[in-house]
C-alpha atoms as a PDB file:
ATOM      1  CA  UNK A   1      -2.426   2.002 -17.584  1.00  0.00           C
ATOM      2  CA  UNK A   2      -0.571  -1.231 -18.229  1.00  0.00           C
ATOM      3  CA  UNK A   3      -2.014  -3.655 -20.765  1.00  0.00           C
ATOM      4  CA  UNK A   4      -4.153  -6.274 -19.038  1.00  0.00           C
ATOM      5  CA  UNK A   5      -2.069  -9.302 -20.036  1.00  0.00           C
ATOM      6  CA  UNK A   6       1.378  -7.705 -19.634  1.00  0.00           C
ATOM      7  CA  UNK A   7       3.582 -10.073 -17.596  1.00  0.00           C
ATOM      8  CA  UNK A   8       6.860  -8.137 -17.697  1.00  0.00           C
ATOM      9  CA  UNK A   9       8.889 -10.990 -19.129  1.00  0.00           C
ATOM     10  CA  UNK A  10       7.096 -13.519 -16.959  1.00  0.00           C
ATOM     11  CA  UNK A  11       7.862 -11.799 -13.653  1.00  0.00           C
ATOM     12  CA  UNK A  12       4.138 -11.057 -13.117  1.00  0.00           C
ATOM     13  CA  UNK A  13       2.424 -14.114 -14.615  1.00  0.00           C
ATOM     14  CA  UNK A  14      -0.964 -13.639 -12.963  1.00  0.00           C
ATOM     15  CA  UNK A  15      -4.268 -13.610 -14.834  1.00  0.00           C
ATOM     16  CA  UNK A  16      -5.876 -10.154 -14.770  1.00  0.00           C
ATOM     17  CA  UNK A  17      -9.285  -9.610 -13.170  1.00  0.00           C
ATOM     18  CA  UNK A  18     -11.345  -6.426 -13.253  1.00  0.00           C
ATOM     19  CA  UNK A  19     -14.235  -5.080 -11.202  1.00  0.00           C
ATOM     20  CA  UNK A  20     -16.352  -2.112 -12.244  1.00  0.00           C
ATOM     21  CA  UNK A  21     -18.064  -1.911  -8.837  1.00  0.00           C
ATOM     22  CA  UNK A  22     -15.911   1.097  -7.777  1.00  0.00           C
ATOM     23  CA  UNK A  23     -17.061   3.047 -10.859  1.00  0.00           C
ATOM     24  CA  UNK A  24     -13.992   2.363 -13.014  1.00  0.00           C
ATOM     25  CA  UNK A  25     -12.080  -0.739 -14.143  1.00  0.00           C
ATOM     26  CA  UNK A  26     -10.189  -1.752 -11.020  1.00  0.00           C
ATOM     27  CA  UNK A  27      -7.624  -4.460 -11.638  1.00  0.00           C
ATOM     28  CA  UNK A  28      -6.821  -7.145  -9.109  1.00  0.00           C
ATOM     29  CA  UNK A  29      -4.892 -10.375  -8.947  1.00  0.00           C
ATOM     30  CA  UNK A  30      -6.997 -13.249  -7.587  1.00  0.00           C
ATOM     31  CA  UNK A  31      -4.890 -16.381  -7.240  1.00  0.00           C
ATOM     32  CA  UNK A  32      -5.292 -19.523  -5.154  1.00  0.00           C
ATOM     33  CA  UNK A  33      -7.903 -20.725  -2.698  1.00  0.00           C
ATOM     34  CA  UNK A  34      -8.253 -20.662   1.058  1.00  0.00           C
ATOM     35  CA  UNK A  35      -8.047 -17.892   3.649  1.00  0.00           C
ATOM     36  CA  UNK A  36      -7.899 -14.436   2.056  1.00  0.00           C
ATOM     37  CA  UNK A  37      -4.749 -12.328   2.048  1.00  0.00           C
ATOM     38  CA  UNK A  38      -5.712  -8.870   0.760  1.00  0.00           C
ATOM     39  CA  UNK A  39      -2.472  -7.115  -0.210  1.00  0.00           C
ATOM     40  CA  UNK A  40      -2.617  -3.332  -0.590  1.00  0.00           C
ATOM     41  CA  UNK A  41       0.183  -1.343  -2.213  1.00  0.00           C
ATOM     42  CA  UNK A  42       1.032   2.332  -1.844  1.00  0.00           C
ATOM     43  CA  UNK A  43       2.904   5.150  -3.621  1.00  0.00           C
ATOM     44  CA  UNK A  44       4.122   4.908  -6.391  1.00  0.00           C
ATOM     45  CA  UNK A  45       3.924   1.119  -6.752  1.00  0.00           C
ATOM     46  CA  UNK A  46       1.229  -1.369  -7.766  1.00  0.00           C
ATOM     47  CA  UNK A  47       0.443  -5.055  -7.293  1.00  0.00           C
ATOM     48  CA  UNK A  48       3.838  -5.936  -8.777  1.00  0.00           C
ATOM     49  CA  UNK A  49       5.240  -5.179  -5.317  1.00  0.00           C
ATOM     50  CA  UNK A  50       3.572  -8.353  -4.009  1.00  0.00           C
ATOM     51  CA  UNK A  51       4.486 -10.689  -6.880  1.00  0.00           C
ATOM     52  CA  UNK A  52       6.772 -12.765  -4.658  1.00  0.00           C
ATOM     53  CA  UNK A  53       4.158 -13.166  -1.912  1.00  0.00           C
ATOM     54  CA  UNK A  54       1.548 -14.236  -4.479  1.00  0.00           C
ATOM     55  CA  UNK A  55       3.891 -16.926  -5.801  1.00  0.00           C
ATOM     56  CA  UNK A  56       4.720 -18.220  -2.335  1.00  0.00           C
ATOM     57  CA  UNK A  57       1.287 -18.132  -0.720  1.00  0.00           C
ATOM     58  CA  UNK A  58      -1.202 -18.889  -3.535  1.00  0.00           C
ATOM     59  CA  UNK A  59      -0.821 -22.644  -2.910  1.00  0.00           C
ATOM     60  CA  UNK A  60      -2.393 -22.206   0.533  1.00  0.00           C
ATOM     61  CA  UNK A  61      -4.285 -18.881   0.420  1.00  0.00           C
ATOM     62  CA  UNK A  62      -6.507 -16.778  -1.803  1.00  0.00           C
ATOM     63  CA  UNK A  63      -4.235 -13.925  -2.806  1.00  0.00           C
ATOM     64  CA  UNK A  64      -6.232 -10.807  -3.741  1.00  0.00           C
ATOM     65  CA  UNK A  65      -4.009  -7.923  -4.841  1.00  0.00           C
ATOM     66  CA  UNK A  66      -5.800  -4.813  -6.156  1.00  0.00           C
ATOM     67  CA  UNK A  67      -4.232  -1.931  -8.007  1.00  0.00           C
ATOM     68  CA  UNK A  68      -5.582   1.308  -6.568  1.00  0.00           C
ATOM     69  CA  UNK A  69      -7.281   3.771  -8.913  1.00  0.00           C
ATOM     70  CA  UNK A  70      -4.597   5.423 -11.022  1.00  0.00           C
ATOM     71  CA  UNK A  71      -1.998   2.708 -10.432  1.00  0.00           C
ATOM     72  CA  UNK A  72      -0.872  -0.490 -12.137  1.00  0.00           C
ATOM     73  CA  UNK A  73      -3.429  -2.042 -14.474  1.00  0.00           C
ATOM     74  CA  UNK A  74      -6.358  -0.098 -13.017  1.00  0.00           C
ATOM     75  CA  UNK A  75      -7.858   2.829 -14.887  1.00  0.00           C
ATOM     76  CA  UNK A  76      -6.937   6.450 -14.162  1.00  0.00           C
ATOM     77  CA  UNK A  77     -10.255   8.255 -14.620  1.00  0.00           C
ATOM     78  CA  UNK A  78      -9.903  11.975 -15.263  1.00  0.00           C
ATOM     79  CA  UNK A  79     -13.120  12.863 -13.452  1.00  0.00           C
ATOM     80  CA  UNK A  80     -12.203  11.342 -10.090  1.00  0.00           C
ATOM     81  CA  UNK A  81     -10.234  12.626  -7.126  1.00  0.00           C
ATOM     82  CA  UNK A  82      -7.479  10.568  -5.566  1.00  0.00           C
ATOM     83  CA  UNK A  83      -7.879  11.267  -1.871  1.00  0.00           C
ATOM     84  CA  UNK A  84      -7.550   8.643   0.837  1.00  0.00           C
ATOM     85  CA  UNK A  85     -11.301   8.512   1.352  1.00  0.00           C
ATOM     86  CA  UNK A  86     -11.810   7.832  -2.376  1.00  0.00           C
ATOM     87  CA  UNK A  87      -9.429   4.875  -2.235  1.00  0.00           C
ATOM     88  CA  UNK A  88     -11.275   3.533   0.814  1.00  0.00           C
ATOM     89  CA  UNK A  89     -14.578   3.851  -1.075  1.00  0.00           C
ATOM     90  CA  UNK A  90     -13.066   1.919  -3.980  1.00  0.00           C
ATOM     91  CA  UNK A  91     -11.691  -0.841  -1.785  1.00  0.00           C
ATOM     92  CA  UNK A  92     -14.969  -1.314   0.082  1.00  0.00           C
ATOM     93  CA  UNK A  93     -16.785  -1.579  -3.259  1.00  0.00           C
ATOM     94  CA  UNK A  94     -14.279  -4.165  -4.510  1.00  0.00           C
ATOM     95  CA  UNK A  95     -14.424  -6.248  -1.327  1.00  0.00           C
ATOM     96  CA  UNK A  96     -18.222  -6.236  -1.409  1.00  0.00           C
ATOM     97  CA  UNK A  97     -18.214  -7.130  -5.104  1.00  0.00           C
ATOM     98  CA  UNK A  98     -15.900 -10.095  -4.541  1.00  0.00           C
ATOM     99  CA  UNK A  99     -17.706 -11.154  -1.372  1.00  0.00           C
ATOM    100  CA  UNK A 100     -14.473 -11.355   0.599  1.00  0.00           C
ATOM    101  CA  UNK A 101     -14.717 -12.523   4.220  1.00  0.00           C
ATOM    102  CA  UNK A 102     -12.246 -13.430   6.968  1.00  0.00           C
ATOM    103  CA  UNK A 103      -9.603 -11.166   5.480  1.00  0.00           C
ATOM    104  CA  UNK A 104      -6.009 -10.812   6.590  1.00  0.00           C
ATOM    105  CA  UNK A 105      -4.855  -7.381   5.461  1.00  0.00           C
ATOM    106  CA  UNK A 106      -1.273  -7.070   4.182  1.00  0.00           C
ATOM    107  CA  UNK A 107      -0.479  -3.362   4.088  1.00  0.00           C
ATOM    108  CA  UNK A 108       2.311  -1.314   2.536  1.00  0.00           C
ATOM    109  CA  UNK A 109       2.695   2.479   2.494  1.00  0.00           C
ATOM    110  CA  UNK A 110      -0.667   4.194   1.844  1.00  0.00           C
ATOM    111  CA  UNK A 111      -2.214   0.743   1.568  1.00  0.00           C
ATOM    112  CA  UNK A 112      -2.080   0.996   5.365  1.00  0.00           C
ATOM    113  CA  UNK A 113      -4.603   3.806   5.828  1.00  0.00           C
ATOM    114  CA  UNK A 114      -6.714   2.457   2.961  1.00  0.00           C
ATOM    115  CA  UNK A 115      -6.874  -0.982   4.556  1.00  0.00           C
ATOM    116  CA  UNK A 116      -7.543   0.465   7.997  1.00  0.00           C
ATOM    117  CA  UNK A 117     -10.347   2.485   6.408  1.00  0.00           C
ATOM    118  CA  UNK A 118     -11.892  -0.793   5.244  1.00  0.00           C
ATOM    119  CA  UNK A 119     -11.456  -2.164   8.770  1.00  0.00           C
ATOM    120  CA  UNK A 120     -13.216   0.871  10.240  1.00  0.00           C
ATOM    121  CA  UNK A 121     -16.195   0.453   7.922  1.00  0.00           C
ATOM    122  CA  UNK A 122     -16.324  -3.363   7.867  1.00  0.00           C
ATOM    123  CA  UNK A 123     -14.595  -4.523  11.077  1.00  0.00           C
ATOM    124  CA  UNK A 124     -16.338  -7.887  10.978  1.00  0.00           C
ATOM    125  CA  UNK A 125     -14.534  -8.809   7.755  1.00  0.00           C
ATOM    126  CA  UNK A 126     -10.983  -8.424   9.103  1.00  0.00           C
ATOM    127  CA  UNK A 127      -9.433 -11.311  11.028  1.00  0.00           C
ATOM    128  CA  UNK A 128      -5.765 -10.296  10.871  1.00  0.00           C
ATOM    129  CA  UNK A 129      -3.497  -7.366  10.011  1.00  0.00           C
ATOM    130  CA  UNK A 130       0.063  -7.435   8.688  1.00  0.00           C
ATOM    131  CA  UNK A 131       1.868  -4.120   8.272  1.00  0.00           C
ATOM    132  CA  UNK A 132       4.887  -4.091   5.959  1.00  0.00           C
ATOM    133  CA  UNK A 133       6.082  -0.515   6.429  1.00  0.00           C
ATOM    134  CA  UNK A 134       2.407   0.399   6.266  1.00  0.00           C
ATOM    135  CA  UNK A 135       0.896   2.853   8.771  1.00  0.00           C
ATOM    136  CA  UNK A 136      -2.143   1.681  10.721  1.00  0.00           C
ATOM    137  CA  UNK A 137      -4.116   4.846  11.573  1.00  0.00           C
ATOM    138  CA  UNK A 138      -7.187   3.887  13.577  1.00  0.00           C
ATOM    139  CA  UNK A 139      -8.279   6.901  15.549  1.00  0.00           C
ATOM    140  CA  UNK A 140      -5.228   7.005  17.823  1.00  0.00           C
ATOM    141  CA  UNK A 141      -5.031  10.315  19.740  1.00  0.00           C
ATOM    142  CA  UNK A 142      -1.348  10.696  18.834  1.00  0.00           C
ATOM    143  CA  UNK A 143      -1.948  10.241  15.083  1.00  0.00           C
ATOM    144  CA  UNK A 144      -1.866  13.956  14.077  1.00  0.00           C
ATOM    145  CA  UNK A 145       1.356  14.560  16.017  1.00  0.00           C
ATOM    146  CA  UNK A 146       2.975  11.450  14.519  1.00  0.00           C
ATOM    147  CA  UNK A 147       2.072  12.529  10.992  1.00  0.00           C
ATOM    148  CA  UNK A 148       3.446  16.027  11.523  1.00  0.00           C
ATOM    149  CA  UNK A 149       6.664  14.826  13.143  1.00  0.00           C
ATOM    150  CA  UNK A 150       7.274  12.303  10.370  1.00  0.00           C
ATOM    151  CA  UNK A 151       6.551  14.842   7.634  1.00  0.00           C
ATOM    152  CA  UNK A 152       9.129  17.192   9.155  1.00  0.00           C
ATOM    153  CA  UNK A 153      11.830  14.483   8.930  1.00  0.00           C
ATOM    154  CA  UNK A 154      10.954  12.591   5.749  1.00  0.00           C
ATOM    155  CA  UNK A 155      12.774  13.681   2.550  1.00  0.00           C
ATOM    156  CA  UNK A 156       9.736  12.615   0.523  1.00  0.00           C
ATOM    157  CA  UNK A 157       7.196  14.631   2.490  1.00  0.00           C
ATOM    158  CA  UNK A 158       9.527  17.632   2.729  1.00  0.00           C
ATOM    159  CA  UNK A 159       9.941  17.546  -1.047  1.00  0.00           C
ATOM    160  CA  UNK A 160       6.165  17.324  -1.571  1.00  0.00           C
ATOM    161  CA  UNK A 161       5.642  20.416   0.574  1.00  0.00           C
ATOM    162  CA  UNK A 162       8.342  22.386  -1.267  1.00  0.00           C
ATOM    163  CA  UNK A 163       7.207  21.290  -4.728  1.00  0.00           C
ATOM    164  CA  UNK A 164       3.598  22.149  -3.982  1.00  0.00           C
ATOM    165  CA  UNK A 165       4.636  25.564  -2.653  1.00  0.00           C
ATOM    166  CA  UNK A 166       6.759  26.442  -5.682  1.00  0.00           C
ATOM    167  CA  UNK A 167       4.296  25.019  -8.195  1.00  0.00           C
ATOM    168  CA  UNK A 168       6.504  22.202  -9.532  1.00  0.00           C
ATOM    169  CA  UNK A 169       4.690  19.203  -8.038  1.00  0.00           C
ATOM    170  CA  UNK A 170       2.493  18.505 -11.064  1.00  0.00           C
ATOM    171  CA  UNK A 171       5.345  18.826 -13.533  1.00  0.00           C
ATOM    172  CA  UNK A 172       7.766  16.624 -11.612  1.00  0.00           C
ATOM    173  CA  UNK A 173       5.383  13.792 -10.704  1.00  0.00           C
ATOM    174  CA  UNK A 174       3.895  14.036 -14.170  1.00  0.00           C
ATOM    175  CA  UNK A 175       7.232  12.673 -15.413  1.00  0.00           C
ATOM    176  CA  UNK A 176       7.140   9.692 -13.072  1.00  0.00           C
ATOM    177  CA  UNK A 177       7.434   7.301 -15.985  1.00  0.00           C
ATOM    178  CA  UNK A 178      10.979   8.636 -16.445  1.00  0.00           C
ATOM    179  CA  UNK A 179      11.917   9.369 -12.831  1.00  0.00           C
ATOM    180  CA  UNK A 180      10.552   6.268 -11.090  1.00  0.00           C
ATOM    181  CA  UNK A 181      13.919   5.006  -9.833  1.00  0.00           C
ATOM    182  CA  UNK A 182      14.804   8.344  -8.264  1.00  0.00           C
ATOM    183  CA  UNK A 183      11.425   8.437  -6.540  1.00  0.00           C
ATOM    184  CA  UNK A 184      11.843   4.916  -5.181  1.00  0.00           C
ATOM    185  CA  UNK A 185      15.339   5.761  -3.982  1.00  0.00           C
ATOM    186  CA  UNK A 186      14.168   8.949  -2.275  1.00  0.00           C
ATOM    187  CA  UNK A 187      11.603   6.935  -0.341  1.00  0.00           C
ATOM    188  CA  UNK A 188      14.101   4.281   0.691  1.00  0.00           C
ATOM    189  CA  UNK A 189      14.755   1.407  -1.739  1.00  0.00           C
ATOM    190  CA  UNK A 190      17.904  -0.525  -0.876  1.00  0.00           C
ATOM    191  CA  UNK A 191      18.068  -3.741  -2.931  1.00  0.00           C
ATOM    192  CA  UNK A 192      19.999  -2.581  -6.004  1.00  0.00           C
ATOM    193  CA  UNK A 193      20.441  -6.186  -7.179  1.00  0.00           C
ATOM    194  CA  UNK A 194      16.796  -6.126  -8.289  1.00  0.00           C
ATOM    195  CA  UNK A 195      17.251  -3.273 -10.733  1.00  0.00           C
ATOM    196  CA  UNK A 196      16.930  -4.589 -14.273  1.00  0.00           C
ATOM    197  CA  UNK A 197      15.358  -3.163 -17.403  1.00  0.00           C
ATOM    198  CA  UNK A 198      12.307  -5.372 -16.788  1.00  0.00           C
ATOM    199  CA  UNK A 199      11.930  -4.282 -13.158  1.00  0.00           C
ATOM    200  CA  UNK A 200      12.232  -0.605 -14.087  1.00  0.00           C
ATOM    201  CA  UNK A 201       9.729  -1.023 -16.899  1.00  0.00           C
ATOM    202  CA  UNK A 202       7.271  -2.675 -14.528  1.00  0.00           C
ATOM    203  CA  UNK A 203       7.337   0.252 -12.122  1.00  0.00           C
ATOM    204  CA  UNK A 204       7.485   2.984 -14.781  1.00  0.00           C
ATOM    205  CA  UNK A 205       4.786   1.623 -17.103  1.00  0.00           C
ATOM    206  CA  UNK A 206       1.732   2.873 -15.154  1.00  0.00           C
ATOM    207  CA  UNK A 207       2.835   6.488 -15.727  1.00  0.00           C
ATOM    208  CA  UNK A 208       3.572   7.069 -19.435  1.00  0.00           C
ATOM    209  CA  UNK A 209       1.906  10.501 -19.482  1.00  0.00           C
ATOM    210  CA  UNK A 210       1.094  13.254 -17.000  1.00  0.00           C
ATOM    211  CA  UNK A 211      -2.599  12.379 -17.212  1.00  0.00           C
ATOM    212  CA  UNK A 212      -1.849   8.786 -16.258  1.00  0.00           C
ATOM    213  CA  UNK A 213       0.228   9.934 -13.287  1.00  0.00           C
ATOM    214  CA  UNK A 214      -2.905  11.414 -11.681  1.00  0.00           C
ATOM    215  CA  UNK A 215      -2.980   8.693  -9.032  1.00  0.00           C
ATOM    216  CA  UNK A 216       0.553   9.321  -7.811  1.00  0.00           C
ATOM    217  CA  UNK A 217       0.078  13.074  -8.034  1.00  0.00           C
ATOM    218  CA  UNK A 218      -3.267  12.980  -6.258  1.00  0.00           C
ATOM    219  CA  UNK A 219      -1.855  11.058  -3.326  1.00  0.00           C
ATOM    220  CA  UNK A 220       1.071  13.468  -2.922  1.00  0.00           C
ATOM    221  CA  UNK A 221      -1.072  16.563  -3.432  1.00  0.00           C
ATOM    222  CA  UNK A 222      -3.566  15.290  -0.858  1.00  0.00           C
ATOM    223  CA  UNK A 223      -0.894  15.596   1.815  1.00  0.00           C
ATOM    224  CA  UNK A 224       0.230  19.007   0.615  1.00  0.00           C
ATOM    225  CA  UNK A 225      -3.331  20.354   0.743  1.00  0.00           C
ATOM    226  CA  UNK A 226      -4.670  18.421   3.731  1.00  0.00           C
ATOM    227  CA  UNK A 227      -7.306  16.744   1.559  1.00  0.00           C
ATOM    228  CA  UNK A 228      -6.861  13.221   2.922  1.00  0.00           C
ATOM    229  CA  UNK A 229      -9.359  12.261   5.605  1.00  0.00           C
ATOM    230  CA  UNK A 230      -8.420   9.347   7.853  1.00  0.00           C
ATOM    231  CA  UNK A 231     -11.307   7.070   8.729  1.00  0.00           C
ATOM    232  CA  UNK A 232     -12.324   7.286  12.402  1.00  0.00           C
ATOM    233  CA  UNK A 233     -13.484   3.901  13.721  1.00  0.00           C
ATOM    234  CA  UNK A 234     -16.313   3.392  16.140  1.00  0.00           C
ATOM    235  CA  UNK A 235     -15.526   2.187  19.644  1.00  0.00           C
ATOM    236  CA  UNK A 236     -16.854  -1.216  18.605  1.00  0.00           C
ATOM    237  CA  UNK A 237     -14.578  -1.357  15.573  1.00  0.00           C
ATOM    238  CA  UNK A 238     -11.595  -0.296  17.674  1.00  0.00           C
ATOM    239  CA  UNK A 239     -12.256  -3.061  20.184  1.00  0.00           C
ATOM    240  CA  UNK A 240     -12.785  -5.640  17.453  1.00  0.00           C
ATOM    241  CA  UNK A 241      -9.494  -4.843  15.703  1.00  0.00           C
ATOM    242  CA  UNK A 242      -7.556  -4.737  18.971  1.00  0.00           C
ATOM    243  CA  UNK A 243      -8.431  -8.411  19.419  1.00  0.00           C
ATOM    244  CA  UNK A 244      -7.269  -9.700  16.019  1.00  0.00           C
ATOM    245  CA  UNK A 245      -3.782 -11.146  15.448  1.00  0.00           C
ATOM    246  CA  UNK A 246      -1.430  -8.498  14.081  1.00  0.00           C
ATOM    247  CA  UNK A 247       2.164  -8.258  12.878  1.00  0.00           C
ATOM    248  CA  UNK A 248       4.271  -5.240  11.940  1.00  0.00           C
ATOM    249  CA  UNK A 249       7.450  -5.789   9.924  1.00  0.00           C
ATOM    250  CA  UNK A 250       9.307  -2.517   9.474  1.00  0.00           C
ATOM    251  CA  UNK A 251      12.388  -1.860   7.402  1.00  0.00           C
ATOM    252  CA  UNK A 252      14.684   0.209   9.580  1.00  0.00           C
ATOM    253  CA  UNK A 253      16.158   2.097   6.600  1.00  0.00           C
ATOM    254  CA  UNK A 254      12.755   3.505   5.618  1.00  0.00           C
ATOM    255  CA  UNK A 255      13.325   7.195   4.856  1.00  0.00           C
ATOM    256  CA  UNK A 256       9.649   7.973   4.259  1.00  0.00           C
ATOM    257  CA  UNK A 257       7.803   6.465   7.228  1.00  0.00           C
ATOM    258  CA  UNK A 258       9.892   6.480  10.373  1.00  0.00           C
ATOM    259  CA  UNK A 259       9.537   3.464  12.632  1.00  0.00           C
ATOM    260  CA  UNK A 260       9.672   5.644  15.750  1.00  0.00           C
ATOM    261  CA  UNK A 261       6.586   7.513  14.592  1.00  0.00           C
ATOM    262  CA  UNK A 262       4.431   4.677  13.263  1.00  0.00           C
ATOM    263  CA  UNK A 263       5.244   1.584  15.314  1.00  0.00           C
ATOM    264  CA  UNK A 264       3.794   3.166  18.488  1.00  0.00           C
ATOM    265  CA  UNK A 265       0.569   3.731  16.548  1.00  0.00           C
ATOM    266  CA  UNK A 266       0.568   0.063  15.561  1.00  0.00           C
ATOM    267  CA  UNK A 267       1.114  -0.985  19.178  1.00  0.00           C
ATOM    268  CA  UNK A 268      -1.751   1.232  20.297  1.00  0.00           C
ATOM    269  CA  UNK A 269      -4.162  -0.216  17.733  1.00  0.00           C
ATOM    270  CA  UNK A 270      -2.976  -3.786  18.269  1.00  0.00           C
ATOM    271  CA  UNK A 271      -1.796  -4.142  21.879  1.00  0.00           C
ATOM    272  CA  UNK A 272      -1.195  -7.879  21.419  1.00  0.00           C
ATOM    273  CA  UNK A 273       0.523  -7.494  18.065  1.00  0.00           C
ATOM    274  CA  UNK A 274       4.097  -8.471  17.281  1.00  0.00           C
ATOM    275  CA  UNK A 275       6.654  -5.974  15.971  1.00  0.00           C
ATOM    276  CA  UNK A 276       9.780  -6.950  14.019  1.00  0.00           C
ATOM    277  CA  UNK A 277      12.278  -4.359  12.798  1.00  0.00           C
ATOM    278  CA  UNK A 278      14.627  -5.319   9.948  1.00  0.00           C
ATOM    279  CA  UNK A 279      17.912  -3.360  10.029  1.00  0.00           C
ATOM    280  CA  UNK A 280      19.141  -2.161   6.645  1.00  0.00           C
ATOM    281  CA  UNK A 281      15.814  -2.844   4.948  1.00  0.00           C
ATOM    282  CA  UNK A 282      14.184   0.151   3.293  1.00  0.00           C
ATOM    283  CA  UNK A 283      10.680   1.479   2.768  1.00  0.00           C
ATOM    284  CA  UNK A 284       9.892  -1.069   0.039  1.00  0.00           C
ATOM    285  CA  UNK A 285      10.438  -3.991   2.376  1.00  0.00           C
ATOM    286  CA  UNK A 286       8.755  -6.612   0.126  1.00  0.00           C
ATOM    287  CA  UNK A 287      11.427  -5.791  -2.476  1.00  0.00           C
ATOM    288  CA  UNK A 288      14.348  -5.448  -0.070  1.00  0.00           C
ATOM    289  CA  UNK A 289      13.699  -8.508   2.116  1.00  0.00           C
ATOM    290  CA  UNK A 290      11.333 -10.976   0.395  1.00  0.00           C
ATOM    291  CA  UNK A 291      12.702 -14.073   2.142  1.00  0.00           C
ATOM    292  CA  UNK A 292      12.543 -12.581   5.643  1.00  0.00           C
ATOM    293  CA  UNK A 293       9.036 -11.230   5.074  1.00  0.00           C
ATOM    294  CA  UNK A 294       7.761 -14.515   3.644  1.00  0.00           C
ATOM    295  CA  UNK A 295       9.156 -16.419   6.638  1.00  0.00           C
ATOM    296  CA  UNK A 296       7.611 -14.002   9.130  1.00  0.00           C
ATOM    297  CA  UNK A 297       4.277 -14.037   7.315  1.00  0.00           C
ATOM    298  CA  UNK A 298       4.207 -17.827   7.161  1.00  0.00           C
ATOM    299  CA  UNK A 299       4.927 -18.033  10.882  1.00  0.00           C
ATOM    300  CA  UNK A 300       2.242 -15.454  11.618  1.00  0.00           C
ATOM    301  CA  UNK A 301      -0.382 -17.259   9.555  1.00  0.00           C
ATOM    302  CA  UNK A 302       0.428 -20.605  11.156  1.00  0.00           C
ATOM    303  CA  UNK A 303      -0.102 -19.253  14.668  1.00  0.00           C
ATOM    304  CA  UNK A 304      -2.821 -16.615  14.149  1.00  0.00           C
END
């Protein structure tokens, strides 16, 4: 766990906030006032991924950026599991604790299914959805086939399956504090100009020991063992979300989540949504293309 007031040489200058409503100390950024943008990270990142969006949009919006259990400045409790449904439970507890309403979700990686889990349970709270290389599972009939087809192609998911089968998954991801750059590269990180000692320290710091890598390991192992359970929305929730403004921005060089598998799922959940593909941009699109994403998000928010 990163120290609460660590700013990484001023690159993450946001005051820390903590909620114990999920049953552990869950860190979140809470900057600005106005309509809520709830930004949800994935594997193996944390709220640092959204530092640029917080800076740009806090003057006009309330930027709420949680660190999932086992990531960033949040605790990594040893007595908890790290399945998708656990992360959804945690997020619902946080949102209720903060009293968030009229939320625009900003989703990356497994933040997608976590955020869509919130939408399934509390559809009346969500007024917009923005996917940044973040899947939007919402009970689509083709979801299982899309997940299987993507897992067969993705270097990351193929490695998870092999490492789980040969017993090396725990050992390798337990060293994530030392292998973070290789993991990011395997998933599809393209903007090498960002790589500095500070940037590497920011992404490696949540995982100094194997015990503190339980979040990253739990997410990967959940796929290997089939432990993740995707939330199934009611017909009412499905209809409600289909009517909200939605935007998908997908980096075309994503090697982990293929656009051809996940953008059709987005279109099915959000038939009136807009889709923008960014050639040459990788899985970590907020890092690879911050200017393009900020421009698209600003346009979306001004017309939603």
